[in-house]
Amino acid sequence: MKIRITVSEKWDTAELDVSGDAACSDVKAKALAQIVGENASVDDYVVKFRGATVFNEGATLEALGVPDGGALIVLPSRRQPVR
């Protein structure tokens, strides 16, 4: 299945080809490595699907109900100051 993941820190989108049994945490790590770089700490980010935070990132994409062509967003876990 193909999914799109937007990393808000860069407002860039990664299109990944993953299986439905891939863990949400693994997909987040791949997207961060591709967009932010290898030094990005996955613990500093959260994943949202359909507007809701995914609290169990060990769940598979299939268990979360992510369809083929679905979209996820990766956000910093702490709010960023506005300047």
Protein backbone atom coordinates (compact mmCIF):
# COMPACT_ATOMS: atom_id res chain seq x y z
CA MET A 1 0.00 0.00 0.00
CA LYS A 2 1.13 3.54 -0.65
CA ILE A 3 0.72 6.21 2.00
CA ARG A 4 1.62 9.88 2.27
CA ILE A 5 3.23 11.27 5.38
CA THR A 6 3.60 15.01 5.90
CA VAL A 7 6.20 16.19 8.39
CA SER A 8 5.00 19.57 9.60
CA GLU A 9 8.44 20.75 10.67
CA LYS A 10 9.47 20.97 7.00
CA TRP A 11 5.98 20.88 5.41
CA ASP A 12 7.26 18.23 3.07
CA THR A 13 5.54 14.99 2.13
CA ALA A 14 7.05 11.53 1.82
CA GLU A 15 5.30 8.87 -0.22
CA LEU A 16 6.10 5.45 1.16
CA ASP A 17 5.28 2.01 -0.16
CA VAL A 18 4.66 -0.11 2.95
CA SER A 19 2.70 -3.18 3.92
CA GLY A 20 -0.47 -3.01 5.98
CA ASP A 21 1.24 -4.83 8.84
CA ALA A 22 3.92 -2.14 9.21
CA ALA A 23 3.94 -0.50 12.64
CA CYS A 24 3.04 3.16 12.81
CA SER A 25 6.31 3.86 14.66
CA ASP A 26 8.36 2.31 11.84
CA VAL A 27 6.58 4.41 9.23
CA LYS A 28 7.15 7.55 11.34
CA ALA A 29 10.86 6.75 11.62
CA LYS A 30 11.17 6.23 7.84
CA ALA A 31 9.42 9.51 7.07
CA LEU A 32 11.52 11.47 9.56
CA ALA A 33 14.74 9.97 8.22
CA GLN A 34 13.73 10.83 4.66
CA ILE A 35 12.56 14.39 5.33
CA VAL A 36 14.32 15.66 8.47
CA GLY A 37 17.40 13.47 8.40
CA GLU A 38 18.87 10.55 10.29
CA ASN A 39 19.51 12.63 13.42
CA ALA A 40 15.80 13.28 14.09
CA SER A 41 14.64 11.82 17.39
CA VAL A 42 11.43 9.87 16.81
CA ASP A 43 10.43 10.36 20.45
CA ASP A 44 10.10 14.11 19.84
CA TYR A 45 7.27 13.61 17.32
CA VAL A 46 3.69 12.33 17.32
CA VAL A 47 1.61 10.87 14.50
CA LYS A 48 -1.91 11.99 13.65
CA PHE A 49 -4.41 10.14 11.48
CA ARG A 50 -7.75 11.73 10.56
CA GLY A 51 -7.06 14.55 13.03
CA ALA A 52 -6.54 12.30 16.04
CA THR A 53 -3.25 11.55 17.76
CA VAL A 54 -2.13 7.94 17.42
CA PHE A 55 -1.29 7.01 21.03
CA ASN A 56 -0.40 3.38 20.28
CA GLU A 57 2.32 3.76 17.66
CA GLY A 58 3.03 0.03 17.91
CA ALA A 59 -0.28 -0.63 16.14
CA THR A 60 -0.19 -1.62 12.50
CA LEU A 61 -1.48 0.65 9.76
CA GLU A 62 -4.17 -1.92 9.02
CA ALA A 63 -5.32 -1.93 12.66
CA LEU A 64 -5.54 1.87 12.57
CA GLY A 65 -7.68 1.71 9.44
CA VAL A 66 -5.22 3.52 7.17
CA PRO A 67 -6.38 2.88 3.59
CA ASP A 68 -4.22 2.58 0.49
CA GLY A 69 -3.36 6.15 -0.45
CA GLY A 70 -4.08 7.33 3.09
CA ALA A 71 -2.34 10.29 4.70
CA LEU A 72 -0.66 10.71 8.06
CA ILE A 73 0.93 13.79 9.58
CA VAL A 74 3.97 13.86 11.87
CA LEU A 75 4.13 16.79 14.28
CA PRO A 76 6.54 17.82 17.03
CA SER A 77 5.21 16.53 20.35
CA ARG A 78 5.72 19.93 21.94
CA ARG A 79 4.15 23.09 20.61
CA GLN A 80 6.48 25.43 18.78
CA PRO A 81 6.70 29.07 19.87
CA VAL A 82 5.26 31.62 17.47
CA ARG A 83 7.58 34.46 16.60
